[in-house]
């Protein structure tokens, strides 16, 4: 199987991440109750322009990256007391005394930390990219590798951390290099799975720049595999998303993969 379709685990398991049928930068299906009992899956409503690109007219362009923001600073201030109360409940459920000296301020600290860990929900890609896209007659590969990444596993609410490698082939427009790291920060500072994170980064760059191709590789450690469950201390997960010429041309893809490993 070609590298562009692999998710490589330490056990050499392989899974394809190139499925374009999912909503790459939006929210996924949620559960709602039927009136007579039971549950049915329904699509969470999307803001205008944020639907999957495969469901939009071709001439509408890819603009979903402009519309994202699901939490504001004001939301943080309003939700902080309820988050702290929830952490107090958790402490009691664990058999602890929230009133003992060492835990008196823990619920507020934990609530504030969780808001920081998920601050990507209150940021929009357009806020960091709008003044950093430049017309430039450059058509050679641009790579920024070893970008530190910290995220939270949406299944267990424990950390994911690792490195992100990004490459793209410009099409008369380039992006300020630090903005690639900012894109990683926005999408990683959310509740995530690594497969979706990889694709969201690649799609955001594609929608913003319209390059000839984009490649994203993430190597990460999942604490849900290290400190619980199978407890495999040295396991790493590698995911990749290849779009455009990075998917279609093996030579371009191989050049990218060789350069990020050098």
C-alpha atoms as a PDB file:
ATOM      1  CA  UNK A   1       0.000   0.000   0.000  1.00  0.00           C
ATOM      2  CA  UNK A   2       1.326   3.449  -0.890  1.00  0.00           C
ATOM      3  CA  UNK A   3       2.492   5.700   1.961  1.00  0.00           C
ATOM      4  CA  UNK A   4      -0.244   8.264   1.329  1.00  0.00           C
ATOM      5  CA  UNK A   5      -2.918   5.843   2.546  1.00  0.00           C
ATOM      6  CA  UNK A   6      -1.236   4.574   5.679  1.00  0.00           C
ATOM      7  CA  UNK A   7      -1.688   4.966   9.371  1.00  0.00           C
ATOM      8  CA  UNK A   8       1.264   3.112  10.819  1.00  0.00           C
ATOM      9  CA  UNK A   9       1.201   1.704  14.322  1.00  0.00           C
ATOM     10  CA  UNK A  10       4.115   0.127  16.135  1.00  0.00           C
ATOM     11  CA  UNK A  11       2.531  -3.235  15.425  1.00  0.00           C
ATOM     12  CA  UNK A  12       2.661  -2.310  11.676  1.00  0.00           C
ATOM     13  CA  UNK A  13      -1.117  -2.181  11.366  1.00  0.00           C
ATOM     14  CA  UNK A  14      -2.241  -0.097   8.387  1.00  0.00           C
ATOM     15  CA  UNK A  15      -5.417   1.945   7.965  1.00  0.00           C
ATOM     16  CA  UNK A  16      -6.480   4.359   5.216  1.00  0.00           C
ATOM     17  CA  UNK A  17      -7.070   8.033   6.175  1.00  0.00           C
ATOM     18  CA  UNK A  18      -7.806   9.312   2.712  1.00  0.00           C
ATOM     19  CA  UNK A  19     -11.599   8.985   2.918  1.00  0.00           C
ATOM     20  CA  UNK A  20     -13.025  12.274   1.694  1.00  0.00           C
ATOM     21  CA  UNK A  21     -16.617  11.434   2.649  1.00  0.00           C
ATOM     22  CA  UNK A  22     -16.295  12.702   6.223  1.00  0.00           C
ATOM     23  CA  UNK A  23     -16.671  16.311   7.288  1.00  0.00           C
ATOM     24  CA  UNK A  24     -12.973  17.134   7.659  1.00  0.00           C
ATOM     25  CA  UNK A  25     -13.137  20.376   9.641  1.00  0.00           C
ATOM     26  CA  UNK A  26     -16.578  20.184  11.192  1.00  0.00           C
ATOM     27  CA  UNK A  27     -18.410  18.344  13.923  1.00  0.00           C
ATOM     28  CA  UNK A  28     -19.332  14.721  13.427  1.00  0.00           C
ATOM     29  CA  UNK A  29     -22.681  13.029  13.817  1.00  0.00           C
ATOM     30  CA  UNK A  30     -24.388  13.291  17.192  1.00  0.00           C
ATOM     31  CA  UNK A  31     -27.001  11.193  18.987  1.00  0.00           C
ATOM     32  CA  UNK A  32     -30.558  12.463  19.404  1.00  0.00           C
ATOM     33  CA  UNK A  33     -33.518  10.768  21.068  1.00  0.00           C
ATOM     34  CA  UNK A  34     -36.508   9.522  19.149  1.00  0.00           C
ATOM     35  CA  UNK A  35     -39.854  10.720  20.547  1.00  0.00           C
ATOM     36  CA  UNK A  36     -40.865   7.116  21.241  1.00  0.00           C
ATOM     37  CA  UNK A  37     -37.522   6.000  22.644  1.00  0.00           C
ATOM     38  CA  UNK A  38     -34.328   4.729  21.062  1.00  0.00           C
ATOM     39  CA  UNK A  39     -31.725   6.828  19.312  1.00  0.00           C
ATOM     40  CA  UNK A  40     -30.971   7.890  15.767  1.00  0.00           C
ATOM     41  CA  UNK A  41     -27.898   9.552  14.334  1.00  0.00           C
ATOM     42  CA  UNK A  42     -28.326  13.009  12.887  1.00  0.00           C
ATOM     43  CA  UNK A  43     -25.864  15.465  11.393  1.00  0.00           C
ATOM     44  CA  UNK A  44     -25.002  18.415  13.647  1.00  0.00           C
ATOM     45  CA  UNK A  45     -26.043  21.627  11.829  1.00  0.00           C
ATOM     46  CA  UNK A  46     -23.161  23.367  10.077  1.00  0.00           C
ATOM     47  CA  UNK A  47     -22.692  27.125   9.695  1.00  0.00           C
ATOM     48  CA  UNK A  48     -22.933  28.411   6.118  1.00  0.00           C
ATOM     49  CA  UNK A  49     -19.899  27.370   4.107  1.00  0.00           C
ATOM     50  CA  UNK A  50     -18.690  24.826   6.674  1.00  0.00           C
ATOM     51  CA  UNK A  51     -20.211  21.737   5.098  1.00  0.00           C
ATOM     52  CA  UNK A  52     -18.091  19.054   3.507  1.00  0.00           C
ATOM     53  CA  UNK A  53     -16.513  20.230   0.255  1.00  0.00           C
ATOM     54  CA  UNK A  54     -17.912  17.195  -1.571  1.00  0.00           C
ATOM     55  CA  UNK A  55     -21.449  18.500  -0.851  1.00  0.00           C
ATOM     56  CA  UNK A  56     -20.826  22.043  -2.084  1.00  0.00           C
ATOM     57  CA  UNK A  57     -21.143  23.305  -5.660  1.00  0.00           C
ATOM     58  CA  UNK A  58     -17.783  23.262  -7.452  1.00  0.00           C
ATOM     59  CA  UNK A  59     -17.949  26.999  -8.180  1.00  0.00           C
ATOM     60  CA  UNK A  60     -18.646  27.875  -4.533  1.00  0.00           C
ATOM     61  CA  UNK A  61     -14.977  27.378  -3.615  1.00  0.00           C
ATOM     62  CA  UNK A  62     -13.689  25.815  -0.440  1.00  0.00           C
ATOM     63  CA  UNK A  63     -14.346  28.334   2.328  1.00  0.00           C
ATOM     64  CA  UNK A  64     -15.210  26.236   5.411  1.00  0.00           C
ATOM     65  CA  UNK A  65     -11.943  27.325   7.030  1.00  0.00           C
ATOM     66  CA  UNK A  66     -13.373  30.863   7.308  1.00  0.00           C
ATOM     67  CA  UNK A  67     -16.403  29.970   9.409  1.00  0.00           C
ATOM     68  CA  UNK A  68     -15.182  27.954  12.409  1.00  0.00           C
ATOM     69  CA  UNK A  69     -15.548  29.094  15.986  1.00  0.00           C
ATOM     70  CA  UNK A  70     -17.706  27.285  18.526  1.00  0.00           C
ATOM     71  CA  UNK A  71     -16.607  28.953  21.777  1.00  0.00           C
ATOM     72  CA  UNK A  72     -15.800  32.510  22.804  1.00  0.00           C
ATOM     73  CA  UNK A  73     -13.832  34.083  25.653  1.00  0.00           C
ATOM     74  CA  UNK A  74     -17.179  35.103  27.160  1.00  0.00           C
ATOM     75  CA  UNK A  75     -18.301  31.461  26.999  1.00  0.00           C
ATOM     76  CA  UNK A  76     -15.209  30.513  28.996  1.00  0.00           C
ATOM     77  CA  UNK A  77     -16.054  32.977  31.752  1.00  0.00           C
ATOM     78  CA  UNK A  78     -19.660  31.829  31.935  1.00  0.00           C
ATOM     79  CA  UNK A  79     -18.873  28.099  31.943  1.00  0.00           C
ATOM     80  CA  UNK A  80     -15.967  28.190  34.406  1.00  0.00           C
ATOM     81  CA  UNK A  81     -18.116  27.827  37.570  1.00  0.00           C
ATOM     82  CA  UNK A  82     -20.030  24.836  36.179  1.00  0.00           C
ATOM     83  CA  UNK A  83     -16.783  23.192  35.005  1.00  0.00           C
ATOM     84  CA  UNK A  84     -15.259  23.684  38.454  1.00  0.00           C
ATOM     85  CA  UNK A  85     -18.386  22.216  40.063  1.00  0.00           C
ATOM     86  CA  UNK A  86     -18.088  19.207  37.769  1.00  0.00           C
ATOM     87  CA  UNK A  87     -14.488  18.642  38.886  1.00  0.00           C
ATOM     88  CA  UNK A  88     -15.623  18.870  42.511  1.00  0.00           C
ATOM     89  CA  UNK A  89     -18.124  16.105  41.781  1.00  0.00           C
ATOM     90  CA  UNK A  90     -15.380  14.022  40.166  1.00  0.00           C
ATOM     91  CA  UNK A  91     -13.154  14.411  43.238  1.00  0.00           C
ATOM     92  CA  UNK A  92     -15.982  13.231  45.487  1.00  0.00           C
ATOM     93  CA  UNK A  93     -16.680  10.337  43.138  1.00  0.00           C
ATOM     94  CA  UNK A  94     -13.041   9.282  43.426  1.00  0.00           C
ATOM     95  CA  UNK A  95     -13.391   9.139  47.200  1.00  0.00           C
ATOM     96  CA  UNK A  96     -11.500  12.374  47.869  1.00  0.00           C
ATOM     97  CA  UNK A  97     -12.451  15.304  50.084  1.00  0.00           C
ATOM     98  CA  UNK A  98     -12.624  18.480  47.953  1.00  0.00           C
ATOM     99  CA  UNK A  99     -12.412  20.532  51.169  1.00  0.00           C
ATOM    100  CA  UNK A 100      -8.993  19.330  52.241  1.00  0.00           C
ATOM    101  CA  UNK A 101      -6.206  21.867  51.880  1.00  0.00           C
ATOM    102  CA  UNK A 102      -4.466  20.399  48.851  1.00  0.00           C
ATOM    103  CA  UNK A 103      -7.700  20.171  46.835  1.00  0.00           C
ATOM    104  CA  UNK A 104      -9.445  23.426  47.759  1.00  0.00           C
ATOM    105  CA  UNK A 105      -8.519  25.188  44.501  1.00  0.00           C
ATOM    106  CA  UNK A 106      -8.072  22.076  42.359  1.00  0.00           C
ATOM    107  CA  UNK A 107     -11.513  22.217  40.675  1.00  0.00           C
ATOM    108  CA  UNK A 108     -10.894  25.793  39.496  1.00  0.00           C
ATOM    109  CA  UNK A 109      -7.339  25.016  38.398  1.00  0.00           C
ATOM    110  CA  UNK A 110      -8.511  21.919  36.511  1.00  0.00           C
ATOM    111  CA  UNK A 111     -11.374  23.808  34.851  1.00  0.00           C
ATOM    112  CA  UNK A 112      -9.056  26.608  33.729  1.00  0.00           C
ATOM    113  CA  UNK A 113      -6.511  24.097  32.449  1.00  0.00           C
ATOM    114  CA  UNK A 114      -9.162  22.215  30.461  1.00  0.00           C
ATOM    115  CA  UNK A 115     -10.268  25.448  28.816  1.00  0.00           C
ATOM    116  CA  UNK A 116      -6.662  26.090  27.805  1.00  0.00           C
ATOM    117  CA  UNK A 117      -6.201  22.533  26.530  1.00  0.00           C
ATOM    118  CA  UNK A 118      -9.229  23.057  24.266  1.00  0.00           C
ATOM    119  CA  UNK A 119      -8.696  26.714  23.318  1.00  0.00           C
ATOM    120  CA  UNK A 120      -8.742  25.758  19.634  1.00  0.00           C
ATOM    121  CA  UNK A 121     -12.549  25.858  19.808  1.00  0.00           C
ATOM    122  CA  UNK A 122     -12.416  29.645  20.256  1.00  0.00           C
ATOM    123  CA  UNK A 123     -10.075  30.331  17.317  1.00  0.00           C
ATOM    124  CA  UNK A 124     -10.702  30.597  13.585  1.00  0.00           C
ATOM    125  CA  UNK A 125      -8.199  29.757  10.878  1.00  0.00           C
ATOM    126  CA  UNK A 126      -8.970  32.982   9.018  1.00  0.00           C
ATOM    127  CA  UNK A 127      -7.919  35.013  12.072  1.00  0.00           C
ATOM    128  CA  UNK A 128      -4.323  33.816  11.735  1.00  0.00           C
ATOM    129  CA  UNK A 129      -4.090  33.353   7.958  1.00  0.00           C
ATOM    130  CA  UNK A 130      -5.846  36.365   6.476  1.00  0.00           C
ATOM    131  CA  UNK A 131      -2.802  38.669   6.536  1.00  0.00           C
ATOM    132  CA  UNK A 132      -0.185  35.985   5.864  1.00  0.00           C
ATOM    133  CA  UNK A 133      -1.035  34.670   2.384  1.00  0.00           C
ATOM    134  CA  UNK A 134       1.308  36.147  -0.210  1.00  0.00           C
ATOM    135  CA  UNK A 135       1.414  36.088  -4.010  1.00  0.00           C
ATOM    136  CA  UNK A 136       4.726  34.503  -4.954  1.00  0.00           C
ATOM    137  CA  UNK A 137       5.957  32.865  -8.146  1.00  0.00           C
ATOM    138  CA  UNK A 138       7.288  29.790  -6.353  1.00  0.00           C
ATOM    139  CA  UNK A 139       6.388  26.235  -7.319  1.00  0.00           C
ATOM    140  CA  UNK A 140       8.868  24.143  -5.332  1.00  0.00           C
ATOM    141  CA  UNK A 141       8.039  22.167  -2.211  1.00  0.00           C
ATOM    142  CA  UNK A 142       7.762  23.987   1.123  1.00  0.00           C
ATOM    143  CA  UNK A 143       8.188  21.879   4.269  1.00  0.00           C
ATOM    144  CA  UNK A 144       7.979  22.712   7.967  1.00  0.00           C
ATOM    145  CA  UNK A 145       8.731  19.660  10.072  1.00  0.00           C
ATOM    146  CA  UNK A 146       8.999  18.720  13.749  1.00  0.00           C
ATOM    147  CA  UNK A 147       6.192  21.043  14.863  1.00  0.00           C
ATOM    148  CA  UNK A 148       5.422  20.216  18.497  1.00  0.00           C
ATOM    149  CA  UNK A 149       1.819  19.146  19.010  1.00  0.00           C
ATOM    150  CA  UNK A 150      -0.260  18.690  22.177  1.00  0.00           C
ATOM    151  CA  UNK A 151      -3.848  17.512  22.086  1.00  0.00           C
ATOM    152  CA  UNK A 152      -6.457  15.644  24.129  1.00  0.00           C
ATOM    153  CA  UNK A 153      -7.850  12.215  23.317  1.00  0.00           C
ATOM    154  CA  UNK A 154     -11.600  12.630  22.953  1.00  0.00           C
ATOM    155  CA  UNK A 155     -12.215   9.081  24.192  1.00  0.00           C
ATOM    156  CA  UNK A 156     -10.380   9.275  27.525  1.00  0.00           C
ATOM    157  CA  UNK A 157      -9.564  12.991  28.014  1.00  0.00           C
ATOM    158  CA  UNK A 158      -5.852  12.280  28.403  1.00  0.00           C
ATOM    159  CA  UNK A 159      -2.978  13.859  26.439  1.00  0.00           C
ATOM    160  CA  UNK A 160      -1.748  13.122  22.947  1.00  0.00           C
ATOM    161  CA  UNK A 161       1.615  14.662  22.124  1.00  0.00           C
ATOM    162  CA  UNK A 162       4.097  14.423  19.289  1.00  0.00           C
ATOM    163  CA  UNK A 163       5.349  16.084  16.118  1.00  0.00           C
ATOM    164  CA  UNK A 164       3.689  17.291  12.933  1.00  0.00           C
ATOM    165  CA  UNK A 165       5.371  17.508   9.503  1.00  0.00           C
ATOM    166  CA  UNK A 166       3.708  19.644   6.806  1.00  0.00           C
ATOM    167  CA  UNK A 167       4.625  20.059   3.138  1.00  0.00           C
ATOM    168  CA  UNK A 168       2.882  21.761   0.243  1.00  0.00           C
ATOM    169  CA  UNK A 169       3.522  22.678  -3.385  1.00  0.00           C
ATOM    170  CA  UNK A 170       2.530  26.337  -3.901  1.00  0.00           C
ATOM    171  CA  UNK A 171       0.315  27.468  -6.740  1.00  0.00           C
ATOM    172  CA  UNK A 172       1.373  31.143  -7.046  1.00  0.00           C
ATOM    173  CA  UNK A 173       0.617  31.724  -3.338  1.00  0.00           C
ATOM    174  CA  UNK A 174       2.623  30.963  -0.195  1.00  0.00           C
ATOM    175  CA  UNK A 175       1.807  31.049   3.494  1.00  0.00           C
ATOM    176  CA  UNK A 176       3.868  32.633   6.277  1.00  0.00           C
ATOM    177  CA  UNK A 177       5.819  29.719   7.759  1.00  0.00           C
ATOM    178  CA  UNK A 178       4.783  30.308  11.362  1.00  0.00           C
ATOM    179  CA  UNK A 179       1.139  30.083  10.289  1.00  0.00           C
ATOM    180  CA  UNK A 180       1.539  26.380   9.582  1.00  0.00           C
ATOM    181  CA  UNK A 181       2.380  25.904  13.254  1.00  0.00           C
ATOM    182  CA  UNK A 182      -0.617  28.066  14.188  1.00  0.00           C
ATOM    183  CA  UNK A 183      -2.916  25.828  12.147  1.00  0.00           C
ATOM    184  CA  UNK A 184      -1.557  22.821  14.039  1.00  0.00           C
ATOM    185  CA  UNK A 185      -2.195  24.630  17.336  1.00  0.00           C
ATOM    186  CA  UNK A 186      -5.787  25.532  16.485  1.00  0.00           C
ATOM    187  CA  UNK A 187      -6.830  22.003  15.537  1.00  0.00           C
ATOM    188  CA  UNK A 188      -4.748  20.140  18.123  1.00  0.00           C
ATOM    189  CA  UNK A 189      -6.099  22.220  21.030  1.00  0.00           C
ATOM    190  CA  UNK A 190      -9.424  20.414  20.821  1.00  0.00           C
ATOM    191  CA  UNK A 191     -10.744  17.010  21.775  1.00  0.00           C
ATOM    192  CA  UNK A 192      -9.327  14.918  18.960  1.00  0.00           C
ATOM    193  CA  UNK A 193      -8.472  11.632  17.365  1.00  0.00           C
ATOM    194  CA  UNK A 194      -5.193  11.692  15.489  1.00  0.00           C
ATOM    195  CA  UNK A 195      -6.691  10.547  12.205  1.00  0.00           C
ATOM    196  CA  UNK A 196      -9.104  13.483  12.066  1.00  0.00           C
ATOM    197  CA  UNK A 197      -6.493  15.977  13.252  1.00  0.00           C
ATOM    198  CA  UNK A 198      -4.176  14.978  10.401  1.00  0.00           C
ATOM    199  CA  UNK A 199      -6.870  15.505   7.802  1.00  0.00           C
ATOM    200  CA  UNK A 200      -8.154  18.774   9.275  1.00  0.00           C
ATOM    201  CA  UNK A 201      -4.690  20.336   9.030  1.00  0.00           C
ATOM    202  CA  UNK A 202      -4.263  19.221   5.414  1.00  0.00           C
ATOM    203  CA  UNK A 203      -7.737  20.366   4.353  1.00  0.00           C
ATOM    204  CA  UNK A 204      -7.364  23.762   6.043  1.00  0.00           C
ATOM    205  CA  UNK A 205      -4.130  24.444   4.119  1.00  0.00           C
ATOM    206  CA  UNK A 206      -5.737  23.251   0.880  1.00  0.00           C
ATOM    207  CA  UNK A 207      -8.812  25.442   1.320  1.00  0.00           C
ATOM    208  CA  UNK A 208      -6.802  28.522   2.284  1.00  0.00           C
ATOM    209  CA  UNK A 209      -4.048  28.343  -0.354  1.00  0.00           C
ATOM    210  CA  UNK A 210      -5.390  26.174  -3.189  1.00  0.00           C
ATOM    211  CA  UNK A 211      -1.903  24.650  -3.613  1.00  0.00           C
ATOM    212  CA  UNK A 212      -0.954  21.951  -6.091  1.00  0.00           C
ATOM    213  CA  UNK A 213      -0.745  19.462  -3.236  1.00  0.00           C
ATOM    214  CA  UNK A 214      -0.451  19.066   0.532  1.00  0.00           C
ATOM    215  CA  UNK A 215       1.089  16.379   2.722  1.00  0.00           C
ATOM    216  CA  UNK A 216       0.743  16.076   6.506  1.00  0.00           C
ATOM    217  CA  UNK A 217       2.325  13.430   8.731  1.00  0.00           C
ATOM    218  CA  UNK A 218       1.825  13.198  12.500  1.00  0.00           C
ATOM    219  CA  UNK A 219       3.868  11.030  14.874  1.00  0.00           C
ATOM    220  CA  UNK A 220       2.346  10.954  18.353  1.00  0.00           C
ATOM    221  CA  UNK A 221       2.234   9.208  21.704  1.00  0.00           C
ATOM    222  CA  UNK A 222      -1.192   8.542  23.202  1.00  0.00           C
ATOM    223  CA  UNK A 223      -1.314   8.460  26.979  1.00  0.00           C
ATOM    224  CA  UNK A 224      -4.465   6.341  26.765  1.00  0.00           C
ATOM    225  CA  UNK A 225      -2.173   3.576  25.464  1.00  0.00           C
ATOM    226  CA  UNK A 226       0.742   4.366  27.792  1.00  0.00           C
ATOM    227  CA  UNK A 227      -0.727   4.962  31.252  1.00  0.00           C
ATOM    228  CA  UNK A 228      -3.871   2.821  30.946  1.00  0.00           C
ATOM    229  CA  UNK A 229      -5.233  -0.015  28.818  1.00  0.00           C
ATOM    230  CA  UNK A 230      -2.434  -1.953  27.121  1.00  0.00           C
ATOM    231  CA  UNK A 231       0.225   0.258  28.826  1.00  0.00           C
ATOM    232  CA  UNK A 232       2.747   0.108  25.977  1.00  0.00           C
ATOM    233  CA  UNK A 233       5.330   2.706  26.970  1.00  0.00           C
ATOM    234  CA  UNK A 234       7.150   2.996  23.633  1.00  0.00           C
ATOM    235  CA  UNK A 235       4.205   2.874  21.245  1.00  0.00           C
ATOM    236  CA  UNK A 236       3.776   5.649  18.673  1.00  0.00           C
ATOM    237  CA  UNK A 237       1.045   6.262  16.145  1.00  0.00           C
ATOM    238  CA  UNK A 238       1.859   7.662  12.699  1.00  0.00           C
ATOM    239  CA  UNK A 239      -0.883   9.083  10.483  1.00  0.00           C
ATOM    240  CA  UNK A 240      -0.673  10.735   7.081  1.00  0.00           C
ATOM    241  CA  UNK A 241      -2.953  12.666   4.755  1.00  0.00           C
ATOM    242  CA  UNK A 242      -1.880  13.346   1.166  1.00  0.00           C
ATOM    243  CA  UNK A 243      -3.900  15.620  -1.093  1.00  0.00           C
ATOM    244  CA  UNK A 244      -3.482  16.691  -4.721  1.00  0.00           C
ATOM    245  CA  UNK A 245      -0.148  15.880  -6.343  1.00  0.00           C
ATOM    246  CA  UNK A 246       1.125  14.384  -3.072  1.00  0.00           C
ATOM    247  CA  UNK A 247      -1.467  11.635  -3.485  1.00  0.00           C
ATOM    248  CA  UNK A 248      -1.342  11.353  -7.259  1.00  0.00           C
ATOM    249  CA  UNK A 249       2.417  11.470  -7.921  1.00  0.00           C
ATOM    250  CA  UNK A 250       4.567   8.854  -6.126  1.00  0.00           C
ATOM    251  CA  UNK A 251       7.769  10.837  -6.808  1.00  0.00           C
ATOM    252  CA  UNK A 252       6.412  13.969  -5.120  1.00  0.00           C
ATOM    253  CA  UNK A 253       5.158  11.943  -2.185  1.00  0.00           C
ATOM    254  CA  UNK A 254       8.474  10.102  -1.831  1.00  0.00           C
ATOM    255  CA  UNK A 255      10.396  13.393  -1.921  1.00  0.00           C
ATOM    256  CA  UNK A 256       8.238  14.739   0.922  1.00  0.00           C
ATOM    257  CA  UNK A 257       8.578  11.601   3.042  1.00  0.00           C
ATOM    258  CA  UNK A 258      12.342  11.486   2.466  1.00  0.00           C
ATOM    259  CA  UNK A 259      12.827  15.131   3.432  1.00  0.00           C
ATOM    260  CA  UNK A 260      10.846  14.926   6.679  1.00  0.00           C
ATOM    261  CA  UNK A 261      12.910  11.897   7.736  1.00  0.00           C
ATOM    262  CA  UNK A 262      16.280  13.488   6.924  1.00  0.00           C
END
